[in-house]
Amino acid sequence: MKSKYILYLVATLVICLFFSLVYADTFGAKKKRPKPEEFGTIVLNNFSEKKSVSPVVFKHWLHRSKYTCRLCHVDIGFAMKVDETGITENDNINGIFCGACHNGKEAFAPEEKQANGVVKKNCDRCHSFGKKVDFKNDFYTFKKGLPQERFGNGIDWIKAEDQKLLTLKDQLEGISIKRKKLENPKEEMLSAKVAGMPNIIFSHKKHAVWNGCELCHPEVFGVKRGQTVYSMQDLFNGKYCGACHGSVAFPNDDCQRCHTEAVS
């Protein structure tokens, strides 16, 4: 009797393992949902710990409240993935990458000379990992009065800009090149491929506000319609739409934000 019970338990475990692997491959592994103020936050550690310095904690919510994604990832040149840019202290000192803004004019500099001649170092404002730092900007104070959303940061960023609650900077003097505005960007209908799931209405206009064309084409998506083939699993794995949605833009579990076609 005991041996039959053990055999039953083993069989049950094997079946559970089988289905967990199948569904993990189909729908992606479930991850712990970060706190609203932590969504989009990344840790940059190419060289910091090697030089006995705390890694940089980069808060996307703070930067995206002031600048477009395109300005940072196209004009300034940050890679789309963590630690792929390989930023050095010399780069910043020479006005490249973080140093394009953190120069004492656009944003605080690494060092600031006070009126009394004392030099104030701002290292901890970026290299804050593992430290208790009293930051100037508080997420929940910033969030008050902005349109709310269920996922991600809990902020509807598109609606906030439509309501003129946010004004994003898309040009940086000495860095950006003047370009023509995208005229009449079209909406695209994308098939859901799943029975009962509404089709996706992709808004070029909404994405152009933040990304321009260059951020997505041709590095992430081909220029011609239908040229790039991808699945939801690819998105869950951080590819294509998932390069932004799930790490910075609203996550993929907010299905109704993309699958918006009215079903009759």
Protein backbone atom coordinates (compact mmCIF):
# COMPACT_ATOMS: atom_id res chain seq x y z
CA MET A 1 0.00 0.00 0.00
CA LYS A 2 2.82 2.34 0.92
CA SER A 3 4.65 1.62 -2.32
CA LYS A 4 1.51 2.43 -4.33
CA TYR A 5 1.19 5.76 -2.49
CA ILE A 6 4.82 6.63 -3.25
CA LEU A 7 4.30 5.65 -6.90
CA TYR A 8 1.21 7.91 -7.01
CA LEU A 9 3.18 10.85 -5.60
CA VAL A 10 6.01 10.35 -8.08
CA ALA A 11 3.53 10.17 -10.99
CA THR A 12 1.80 13.34 -9.78
CA LEU A 13 5.11 15.21 -9.51
CA VAL A 14 6.12 14.11 -13.02
CA ILE A 15 2.81 15.29 -14.46
CA CYS A 16 3.05 18.64 -12.64
CA LEU A 17 6.61 19.10 -13.87
CA PHE A 18 5.58 18.29 -17.43
CA PHE A 19 2.77 20.84 -17.50
CA SER A 20 4.86 23.50 -15.76
CA LEU A 21 7.51 23.16 -18.48
CA VAL A 22 4.91 23.20 -21.25
CA TYR A 23 3.15 26.29 -19.95
CA ALA A 24 6.41 28.02 -19.08
CA ASP A 25 7.46 27.61 -22.72
CA THR A 26 4.07 28.82 -23.96
CA PHE A 27 3.27 31.70 -21.69
CA GLY A 28 6.58 32.61 -20.07
CA ALA A 29 7.68 32.21 -16.47
CA LYS A 30 5.77 34.31 -13.96
CA LYS A 31 7.94 36.89 -12.28
CA LYS A 32 7.47 38.81 -9.08
CA ARG A 33 5.79 42.14 -9.78
CA PRO A 34 8.03 45.05 -8.75
CA LYS A 35 6.78 47.95 -6.66
CA PRO A 36 5.51 50.93 -8.72
CA GLU A 37 8.55 53.08 -7.86
CA GLU A 38 10.88 50.21 -8.81
CA PHE A 39 9.33 49.36 -12.18
CA GLY A 40 11.83 50.19 -14.91
CA THR A 41 14.68 50.79 -12.46
CA ILE A 42 17.95 49.19 -13.59
CA VAL A 43 21.35 48.72 -12.00
CA LEU A 44 24.42 49.63 -14.09
CA ASN A 45 27.53 47.80 -13.04
CA ASN A 46 29.97 47.46 -15.93
CA PHE A 47 32.90 48.88 -13.98
CA SER A 48 31.66 50.22 -10.62
CA GLU A 49 32.29 47.27 -8.31
CA LYS A 50 35.57 46.52 -10.08
CA LYS A 51 36.69 49.95 -8.89
CA SER A 52 35.19 49.48 -5.40
CA VAL A 53 32.34 51.92 -6.16
CA SER A 54 28.64 51.24 -5.62
CA PRO A 55 26.74 50.47 -8.86
CA VAL A 56 24.50 53.09 -10.44
CA VAL A 57 20.75 52.84 -9.80
CA PHE A 58 19.02 54.36 -12.83
CA LYS A 59 15.37 55.34 -12.33
CA HIS A 60 13.50 55.26 -15.61
CA TRP A 61 10.37 56.89 -14.14
CA LEU A 62 12.29 60.06 -13.28
CA HIS A 63 13.97 60.37 -16.67
CA ARG A 64 10.90 59.47 -18.72
CA SER A 65 8.97 62.21 -16.93
CA LYS A 66 11.32 64.75 -18.52
CA TYR A 67 12.69 63.28 -21.77
CA THR A 68 11.55 61.07 -24.64
CA CYS A 69 12.96 57.57 -25.01
CA ARG A 70 14.25 58.58 -28.45
CA LEU A 71 16.45 61.35 -27.08
CA CYS A 72 18.36 58.97 -24.81
CA HIS A 73 18.40 55.80 -26.92
CA VAL A 74 18.95 57.39 -30.35
CA ASP A 75 20.55 60.84 -30.02
CA ILE A 76 22.63 60.18 -26.90
CA GLY A 77 23.19 56.55 -27.87
CA PHE A 78 22.28 54.35 -24.91
CA ALA A 79 21.79 50.68 -25.83
CA MET A 80 18.38 49.14 -25.21
CA LYS A 81 19.74 46.44 -22.88
CA VAL A 82 21.34 46.87 -19.46
CA ASP A 83 25.14 47.14 -19.41
CA GLU A 84 25.50 46.91 -23.22
CA THR A 85 26.65 50.54 -23.54
CA GLY A 86 29.73 50.18 -21.37
CA ILE A 87 29.64 53.70 -19.91
CA THR A 88 32.87 54.87 -18.23
CA GLU A 89 33.60 57.77 -15.93
CA ASN A 90 35.73 59.37 -18.66
CA ASP A 91 32.77 59.18 -21.07
CA ASN A 92 30.64 61.18 -18.65
CA ILE A 93 33.41 63.71 -17.97
CA ASN A 94 33.77 64.22 -21.74
CA GLY A 95 30.05 64.92 -22.19
CA ILE A 96 29.07 61.51 -23.57
CA PHE A 97 26.16 59.32 -22.40
CA CYS A 98 25.13 60.47 -18.86
CA GLY A 99 27.52 63.39 -19.23
CA ALA A 100 25.45 64.77 -22.13
CA CYS A 101 22.95 66.00 -19.52
CA HIS A 102 24.76 65.76 -16.19
CA ASN A 103 26.98 68.75 -16.84
CA GLY A 104 25.69 71.31 -14.35
CA LYS A 105 23.49 72.93 -16.98
CA GLU A 106 20.87 70.42 -18.09
CA ALA A 107 21.12 68.38 -14.87
CA PHE A 108 23.38 68.20 -11.82
CA ALA A 109 27.07 67.58 -12.46
CA PRO A 110 29.22 64.97 -10.68
CA GLU A 111 30.79 67.85 -8.77
CA GLU A 112 29.36 71.30 -8.04
CA LYS A 113 31.25 74.29 -6.71
CA GLN A 114 29.32 76.04 -3.94
CA ALA A 115 29.19 79.78 -3.29
CA ASN A 116 31.62 79.38 -0.37
CA GLY A 117 34.14 77.67 -2.67
CA VAL A 118 33.52 74.19 -1.29
CA VAL A 119 33.15 71.46 -3.93
CA LYS A 120 30.07 69.29 -3.44
CA LYS A 121 30.31 65.75 -4.80
CA ASN A 122 27.13 64.17 -6.12
CA CYS A 123 28.42 60.61 -6.49
CA ASP A 124 25.75 59.04 -4.26
CA ARG A 125 22.91 60.51 -6.31
CA CYS A 126 23.76 57.96 -9.01
CA HIS A 127 26.02 55.40 -7.35
CA SER A 128 23.38 54.61 -4.75
CA PHE A 129 23.07 50.82 -4.83
CA GLY A 130 23.05 49.46 -1.27
CA LYS A 131 23.12 52.95 0.24
CA LYS A 132 20.52 54.97 2.11
CA VAL A 133 20.36 58.17 0.06
CA ASP A 134 17.98 61.09 0.61
CA PHE A 135 16.88 61.75 -2.97
CA LYS A 136 15.52 65.07 -4.16
CA ASN A 137 12.67 63.50 -6.17
CA ASP A 138 10.05 61.28 -4.52
CA PHE A 139 8.04 58.93 -6.75
CA TYR A 140 4.76 59.08 -4.83
CA THR A 141 4.85 62.87 -4.61
CA PHE A 142 5.44 63.00 -8.38
CA LYS A 143 2.64 60.50 -9.05
CA LYS A 144 -0.08 62.56 -7.35
CA GLY A 145 -2.40 64.21 -9.85
CA LEU A 146 -1.32 62.04 -12.79
CA PRO A 147 -3.69 59.62 -14.58
CA GLN A 148 -3.58 56.21 -12.93
CA GLU A 149 -3.00 52.81 -14.52
CA ARG A 150 -3.14 49.28 -13.09
CA PHE A 151 0.28 47.99 -14.06
CA GLY A 152 3.90 49.10 -14.29
CA ASN A 153 4.48 52.37 -12.48
CA GLY A 154 0.73 52.80 -11.99
CA ILE A 155 0.88 55.89 -14.24
CA ASP A 156 -0.79 56.27 -17.64
CA TRP A 157 2.12 58.11 -19.27
CA ILE A 158 0.43 58.59 -22.65
CA LYS A 159 -2.68 60.12 -21.09
CA ALA A 160 -0.52 62.33 -18.86
CA GLU A 161 1.13 63.81 -21.92
CA ASP A 162 -2.15 64.12 -23.84
CA GLN A 163 -3.52 66.12 -20.88
CA LYS A 164 -0.42 68.38 -20.94
CA LEU A 165 0.58 67.24 -17.46
CA LEU A 166 3.98 66.26 -18.83
CA THR A 167 6.09 68.08 -21.40
CA LEU A 168 8.88 65.92 -22.73
CA LYS A 169 12.12 67.25 -24.12
CA ASP A 170 13.10 65.62 -27.42
CA GLN A 171 16.07 67.74 -28.49
CA LEU A 172 19.39 68.40 -26.78
CA GLU A 173 21.58 71.24 -28.01
CA GLY A 174 24.90 70.02 -29.34
CA ILE A 175 23.65 66.43 -29.46
CA SER A 176 20.41 66.20 -31.46
CA ILE A 177 20.08 66.67 -35.21
CA LYS A 178 17.05 68.58 -36.48
CA ARG A 179 14.61 66.35 -38.33
CA LYS A 180 11.19 66.61 -39.88
CA LYS A 181 8.12 65.74 -37.85
CA LEU A 182 6.44 62.45 -38.74
CA GLU A 183 3.31 63.41 -40.66
CA ASN A 184 0.03 61.55 -40.14
CA PRO A 185 1.37 58.32 -38.62
CA LYS A 186 -1.09 55.48 -39.25
CA GLU A 187 -2.61 52.88 -36.98
CA GLU A 188 -1.91 49.25 -37.88
CA MET A 189 -4.13 46.23 -37.24
CA LEU A 190 -2.17 43.20 -36.00
CA SER A 191 -3.81 39.76 -35.84
CA ALA A 192 -3.99 38.24 -32.37
CA LYS A 193 -3.45 34.63 -33.61
CA VAL A 194 -5.43 33.35 -30.58
CA ALA A 195 -9.12 32.45 -30.80
CA GLY A 196 -11.32 34.87 -28.87
CA MET A 197 -8.54 37.42 -28.31
CA PRO A 198 -9.21 40.88 -29.84
CA ASN A 199 -6.77 42.04 -32.48
CA ILE A 200 -4.08 44.58 -31.67
CA ILE A 201 -4.44 48.17 -32.83
CA PHE A 202 -0.89 49.49 -32.98
CA SER A 203 -0.70 53.28 -32.83
CA HIS A 204 2.26 54.71 -34.71
CA LYS A 205 1.25 58.15 -33.44
CA LYS A 206 1.54 57.22 -29.76
CA HIS A 207 4.87 55.48 -30.25
CA ALA A 208 6.26 58.26 -32.43
CA VAL A 209 5.72 60.76 -29.59
CA TRP A 210 8.18 58.88 -27.40
CA ASN A 211 10.34 56.87 -29.78
CA GLY A 212 10.38 58.48 -33.19
CA CYS A 213 10.96 55.93 -35.96
CA GLU A 214 14.63 55.25 -35.34
CA LEU A 215 14.26 53.52 -31.99
CA CYS A 216 12.16 50.69 -33.44
CA HIS A 217 13.20 50.55 -37.11
CA PRO A 218 15.13 48.70 -38.41
CA GLU A 219 16.97 47.36 -35.31
CA VAL A 220 13.91 45.96 -33.50
CA PHE A 221 11.35 45.68 -36.34
CA GLY A 222 11.79 45.48 -40.10
CA VAL A 223 10.57 48.48 -42.07
CA LYS A 224 8.15 46.53 -44.30
CA ARG A 225 4.84 45.30 -42.86
CA GLY A 226 4.92 41.56 -42.15
CA GLN A 227 8.70 41.39 -42.48
CA THR A 228 9.23 40.60 -38.78
CA VAL A 229 7.66 37.42 -37.41
CA TYR A 230 7.37 37.05 -33.63
CA SER A 231 5.27 35.38 -30.95
CA MET A 232 4.00 36.26 -27.49
CA GLN A 233 6.75 34.08 -26.06
CA ASP A 234 9.29 36.35 -27.81
CA LEU A 235 7.68 39.33 -26.10
CA PHE A 236 7.80 37.62 -22.71
CA ASN A 237 11.49 36.96 -23.39
CA GLY A 238 12.15 40.69 -23.83
CA LYS A 239 12.29 40.76 -27.64
CA TYR A 240 10.44 43.01 -30.12
CA CYS A 241 7.58 44.76 -28.21
CA GLY A 242 8.98 43.14 -25.07
CA ALA A 243 12.17 45.21 -25.38
CA CYS A 244 10.16 48.02 -23.75
CA HIS A 245 6.90 46.48 -22.56
CA GLY A 246 7.69 44.67 -19.37
CA SER A 247 10.85 46.55 -18.48
CA VAL A 248 9.93 50.24 -18.85
CA ALA A 249 6.63 50.64 -20.73
CA PHE A 250 3.51 48.97 -19.33
CA PRO A 251 4.01 45.19 -18.99
CA ASN A 252 2.61 42.46 -21.24
CA ASP A 253 0.11 41.26 -18.63
CA ASP A 254 -1.86 44.46 -19.27
CA CYS A 255 -3.48 42.71 -22.26
CA GLN A 256 -6.25 45.25 -22.93
CA ARG A 257 -3.81 48.08 -23.57
CA CYS A 258 -2.76 46.39 -26.83
CA HIS A 259 -5.64 44.05 -27.75
CA THR A 260 -8.10 46.89 -28.21
CA GLU A 261 -10.12 46.08 -31.32
CA ALA A 262 -13.85 46.04 -30.55
CA VAL A 263 -15.30 42.53 -30.81
CA SER A 264 -18.81 42.40 -32.27
